[in-house]
C-alpha atoms as a PDB file:
ATOM      1  CA  MET A   1     -13.467 135.830 -96.912  1.00  0.00           C
ATOM      2  CA  THR A   2      -9.984 135.584 -95.443  1.00  0.00           C
ATOM      3  CA  GLN A   3      -8.835 132.683 -93.323  1.00  0.00           C
ATOM      4  CA  ASP A   4      -5.652 131.430 -91.739  1.00  0.00           C
ATOM      5  CA  GLY A   5      -3.471 129.402 -94.073  1.00  0.00           C
ATOM      6  CA  PRO A   6      -1.216 126.488 -93.073  1.00  0.00           C
ATOM      7  CA  ASN A   7       1.664 128.833 -92.165  1.00  0.00           C
ATOM      8  CA  GLY A   8      -0.510 130.946 -89.843  1.00  0.00           C
ATOM      9  CA  LEU A   9      -0.812 133.814 -92.314  1.00  0.00           C
ATOM     10  CA  ARG A  10      -4.187 135.110 -93.384  1.00  0.00           C
ATOM     11  CA  THR A  11      -5.033 134.385 -96.976  1.00  0.00           C
ATOM     12  CA  GLY A  12      -6.860 136.793 -99.243  1.00  0.00           C
ATOM     13  CA  ASP A  13      -4.549 139.802 -98.890  1.00  0.00           C
ATOM     14  CA  PRO A  14      -2.185 140.167-101.883  1.00  0.00           C
ATOM     15  CA  LEU A  15       0.880 141.190 -99.841  1.00  0.00           C
ATOM     16  CA  ILE A  16       0.370 138.430 -97.299  1.00  0.00           C
ATOM     17  CA  SER A  17      -0.051 135.907-100.111  1.00  0.00           C
ATOM     18  CA  LEU A  18       3.105 137.210-101.795  1.00  0.00           C
ATOM     19  CA  LEU A  19       5.079 136.910 -98.545  1.00  0.00           C
ATOM     20  CA  ALA A  20       3.713 133.423 -97.856  1.00  0.00           C
ATOM     21  CA  GLN A  21       4.728 132.254-101.336  1.00  0.00           C
ATOM     22  CA  ALA A  22       8.230 133.572-100.607  1.00  0.00           C
ATOM     23  CA  GLN A  23       8.250 131.548 -97.340  1.00  0.00           C
ATOM     24  CA  VAL A  24       8.176 134.657 -95.149  1.00  0.00           C
ATOM     25  CA  THR A  25       6.257 133.751 -91.978  1.00  0.00           C
ATOM     26  CA  LYS A  26       4.975 135.640 -88.951  1.00  0.00           C
ATOM     27  CA  THR A  27       8.162 134.734 -87.076  1.00  0.00           C
ATOM     28  CA  SER A  28      10.595 135.739 -89.856  1.00  0.00           C
ATOM     29  CA  VAL A  29      12.960 138.620 -89.129  1.00  0.00           C
ATOM     30  CA  ILE A  30      11.583 141.337 -91.420  1.00  0.00           C
ATOM     31  CA  ARG A  31      13.137 144.733 -91.947  1.00  0.00           C
ATOM     32  CA  VAL A  32      11.495 147.643 -93.728  1.00  0.00           C
ATOM     33  CA  THR A  33      13.230 150.623 -95.292  1.00  0.00           C
ATOM     34  CA  GLY A  34      12.151 153.537 -97.431  1.00  0.00           C
ATOM     35  CA  SER A  35      10.032 156.656 -97.231  1.00  0.00           C
ATOM     36  CA  SER A  36       6.845 154.695 -96.453  1.00  0.00           C
ATOM     37  CA  GLY A  37       8.641 152.359 -94.065  1.00  0.00           C
ATOM     38  CA  LEU A  38       6.730 153.356 -90.938  1.00  0.00           C
ATOM     39  CA  SER A  39       3.376 152.670 -92.602  1.00  0.00           C
ATOM     40  CA  ALA A  40       4.630 149.301 -93.853  1.00  0.00           C
ATOM     41  CA  LEU A  41       6.013 148.428 -90.409  1.00  0.00           C
ATOM     42  CA  LEU A  42       2.707 149.245 -88.700  1.00  0.00           C
ATOM     43  CA  TRP A  43       0.741 147.289 -91.317  1.00  0.00           C
ATOM     44  CA  LEU A  44       2.933 144.204 -90.841  1.00  0.00           C
ATOM     45  CA  CYS A  45       2.653 144.438 -87.041  1.00  0.00           C
ATOM     46  CA  ARG A  46      -1.144 144.763 -87.249  1.00  0.00           C
ATOM     47  CA  HIS A  47      -1.210 141.627 -89.377  1.00  0.00           C
ATOM     48  CA  GLY A  48       0.614 139.533 -86.786  1.00  0.00           C
ATOM     49  CA  PHE A  49       4.233 139.663 -87.922  1.00  0.00           C
ATOM     50  CA  ASP A  50       6.305 139.493 -84.730  1.00  0.00           C
ATOM     51  CA  GLN A  51       9.851 140.520 -85.646  1.00  0.00           C
ATOM     52  CA  VAL A  52       9.483 143.627 -87.783  1.00  0.00           C
ATOM     53  CA  GLY A  53      11.794 146.622 -87.588  1.00  0.00           C
ATOM     54  CA  TYR A  54      12.687 149.724 -89.559  1.00  0.00           C
ATOM     55  CA  VAL A  55      16.229 150.236 -90.841  1.00  0.00           C
ATOM     56  CA  LYS A  56      17.662 153.313 -92.445  1.00  0.00           C
ATOM     57  CA  SER A  57      19.391 152.717 -95.744  1.00  0.00           C
ATOM     58  CA  GLY A  58      22.786 154.019 -96.690  1.00  0.00           C
ATOM     59  CA  GLN A  59      26.435 153.577 -96.015  1.00  0.00           C
ATOM     60  CA  GLY A  60      27.359 153.518 -92.345  1.00  0.00           C
ATOM     61  CA  CYS A  61      23.844 152.726 -91.140  1.00  0.00           C
ATOM     62  CA  PRO A  62      23.958 149.740 -88.791  1.00  0.00           C
ATOM     63  CA  HIS A  63      21.699 146.810 -89.561  1.00  0.00           C
ATOM     64  CA  GLU A  64      21.475 143.062 -89.249  1.00  0.00           C
ATOM     65  CA  GLU A  65      20.904 140.771 -92.205  1.00  0.00           C
ATOM     66  CA  ALA A  66      17.216 139.891 -92.087  1.00  0.00           C
ATOM     67  CA  ASP A  67      15.130 137.044 -93.487  1.00  0.00           C
ATOM     68  CA  ALA A  68      13.197 139.572 -95.565  1.00  0.00           C
ATOM     69  CA  LEU A  69      13.605 143.209 -96.544  1.00  0.00           C
ATOM     70  CA  LEU A  70      10.693 145.270 -97.825  1.00  0.00           C
ATOM     71  CA  ILE A  71      11.613 148.493 -99.578  1.00  0.00           C
ATOM     72  CA  ALA A  72       8.638 150.746 -98.957  1.00  0.00           C
ATOM     73  CA  HIS A  73       8.947 153.083-101.921  1.00  0.00           C
ATOM     74  CA  THR A  74       9.195 152.734-105.675  1.00  0.00           C
ATOM     75  CA  CYS A  75      12.791 152.040-106.753  1.00  0.00           C
ATOM     76  CA  ASP A  76      14.069 153.059-110.140  1.00  0.00           C
ATOM     77  CA  GLU A  77      17.327 151.518-111.356  1.00  0.00           C
ATOM     78  CA  PRO A  78      19.734 154.086-109.774  1.00  0.00           C
ATOM     79  CA  THR A  79      17.893 153.959-106.430  1.00  0.00           C
ATOM     80  CA  LEU A  80      17.958 150.169-106.370  1.00  0.00           C
ATOM     81  CA  ARG A  81      21.663 150.122-107.308  1.00  0.00           C
ATOM     82  CA  ARG A  82      22.441 152.434-104.372  1.00  0.00           C
ATOM     83  CA  LEU A  83      20.415 150.276-101.955  1.00  0.00           C
ATOM     84  CA  LEU A  84      22.010 147.051-103.174  1.00  0.00           C
ATOM     85  CA  THR A  85      25.462 148.587-102.789  1.00  0.00           C
ATOM     86  CA  THR A  86      25.132 150.347 -99.425  1.00  0.00           C
ATOM     87  CA  GLY A  87      22.474 148.251 -97.708  1.00  0.00           C
ATOM     88  CA  PRO A  88      20.602 147.128 -95.815  1.00  0.00           C
ATOM     89  CA  HIS A  89      20.855 143.521 -97.021  1.00  0.00           C
ATOM     90  CA  VAL A  90      19.154 140.209 -96.367  1.00  0.00           C
ATOM     91  CA  ARG A  91      20.958 137.047 -95.291  1.00  0.00           C
ATOM     92  CA  GLU A  92      21.863 134.416 -97.884  1.00  0.00           C
ATOM     93  CA  GLY A  93      18.568 132.784 -98.801  1.00  0.00           C
ATOM     94  CA  GLY A  94      16.670 135.875 -97.631  1.00  0.00           C
ATOM     95  CA  VAL A  95      14.048 137.690 -99.679  1.00  0.00           C
ATOM     96  CA  LEU A  96      13.975 141.229-101.062  1.00  0.00           C
ATOM     97  CA  VAL A  97      10.527 142.661-101.921  1.00  0.00           C
ATOM     98  CA  PHE A  98      10.101 146.000-103.675  1.00  0.00           C
ATOM     99  CA  GLN A  99       8.341 147.767-106.503  1.00  0.00           C
ATOM    100  CA  SER A 100       9.770 149.535-109.528  1.00  0.00           C
ATOM    101  CA  PRO A 101       8.358 151.495-112.434  1.00  0.00           C
ATOM    102  CA  VAL A 102       7.381 149.336-115.404  1.00  0.00           C
ATOM    103  CA  PRO A 103      10.392 149.436-117.752  1.00  0.00           C
ATOM    104  CA  ALA A 104      10.079 150.937-121.211  1.00  0.00           C
ATOM    105  CA  SER A 105       9.335 148.327-123.837  1.00  0.00           C
ATOM    106  CA  ALA A 106      12.447 146.239-124.267  1.00  0.00           C
ATOM    107  CA  ILE A 107      11.428 143.413-126.548  1.00  0.00           C
ATOM    108  CA  GLY A 108      14.119 140.753-126.568  1.00  0.00           C
ATOM    109  CA  ARG A 109      16.132 142.414-123.797  1.00  0.00           C
ATOM    110  CA  LYS A 110      16.339 141.508-120.135  1.00  0.00           C
ATOM    111  CA  ASP A 111      14.601 143.796-117.655  1.00  0.00           C
ATOM    112  CA  PRO A 112      17.357 146.134-116.334  1.00  0.00           C
ATOM    113  CA  ILE A 113      16.062 145.723-112.764  1.00  0.00           C
ATOM    114  CA  HIS A 114      16.387 141.931-113.036  1.00  0.00           C
ATOM    115  CA  ARG A 115      19.879 142.246-114.487  1.00  0.00           C
ATOM    116  CA  LEU A 116      20.887 144.545-111.611  1.00  0.00           C
ATOM    117  CA  LEU A 117      19.512 142.089-109.050  1.00  0.00           C
ATOM    118  CA  GLU A 118      21.425 139.209-110.639  1.00  0.00           C
ATOM    119  CA  ASP A 119      24.623 141.290-110.664  1.00  0.00           C
ATOM    120  CA  HIS A 120      24.234 141.695-106.885  1.00  0.00           C
ATOM    121  CA  GLY A 121      23.611 138.019-106.150  1.00  0.00           C
ATOM    122  CA  TYR A 122      19.814 137.829-106.224  1.00  0.00           C
ATOM    123  CA  ALA A 123      17.622 135.432-108.183  1.00  0.00           C
ATOM    124  CA  VAL A 124      14.276 136.902-109.224  1.00  0.00           C
ATOM    125  CA  GLU A 125      11.557 134.511-108.075  1.00  0.00           C
ATOM    126  CA  ARG A 126       8.517 136.530-108.973  1.00  0.00           C
ATOM    127  CA  CYS A 127       7.608 139.702-110.816  1.00  0.00           C
ATOM    128  CA  VAL A 128       4.013 140.932-110.689  1.00  0.00           C
ATOM    129  CA  HIS A 129       3.239 143.432-113.435  1.00  0.00           C
ATOM    130  CA  GLY A 130       0.774 146.243-112.836  1.00  0.00           C
ATOM    131  CA  ALA A 131      -0.291 149.172-114.974  1.00  0.00           C
ATOM    132  CA  HIS A 132       2.479 151.498-113.748  1.00  0.00           C
ATOM    133  CA  ARG A 133       4.642 149.419-111.399  1.00  0.00           C
ATOM    134  CA  GLU A 134       6.072 145.946-110.964  1.00  0.00           C
ATOM    135  CA  VAL A 135       6.454 144.136-107.659  1.00  0.00           C
ATOM    136  CA  HIS A 136       9.620 142.049-107.460  1.00  0.00           C
ATOM    137  CA  VAL A 137      10.465 139.168-105.143  1.00  0.00           C
ATOM    138  CA  ALA A 138      14.143 138.229-105.288  1.00  0.00           C
ATOM    139  CA  ARG A 139      16.094 135.758-103.163  1.00  0.00           C
ATOM    140  CA  ARG A 140      19.738 136.285-102.235  1.00  0.00           C
ATOM    141  CA  VAL A 141      21.699 133.369-103.625  1.00  0.00           C
ATOM    142  CA  ALA A 142      24.228 131.671-101.343  1.00  0.00           C
ATOM    143  CA  HIS A 143      27.843 132.615-102.071  1.00  0.00           C
ATOM    144  CA  ALA A 144      26.875 134.345-105.298  1.00  0.00           C
ATOM    145  CA  TRP A 145      27.235 137.965-104.291  1.00  0.00           C
ATOM    146  CA  ARG A 146      29.630 139.755-106.561  1.00  0.00           C
ATOM    147  CA  LYS A 147      30.414 143.400-106.722  1.00  0.00           C
ATOM    148  CA  ALA A 148      28.693 145.172-109.584  1.00  0.00           C
ATOM    149  CA  ALA A 149      30.996 146.876-112.031  1.00  0.00           C
END
């Protein structure tokens, strides 16, 4: 059974729980991008999130820096690099949530997605591993953004 948690979000749904743990609330400014962005936007609105909007990714696309950005498609390393370079972006302290394919076994090496996030000023807070995909929650670190080489 689901019930309202202390932050007003319903508990029991994995995405809502993930957002709540990342301190994304119903009043947070949330932007969605990606090929499944409309579905994600409608889902968030139906679940009581008040300030949700869709933004197109890419250079020259206007957007504000949000509290949270959900990328509504699976991002491989080149796709994520392009998004991190051209935007949209979250504000300092904001949260980026997306999924990526599970990386090939890299025993003793850092996950290339995590390395890419760190190179663009994000600290990975959570990584949920599934059979074929990982869900990442990364927070933009204040004054740490540096241009990737």
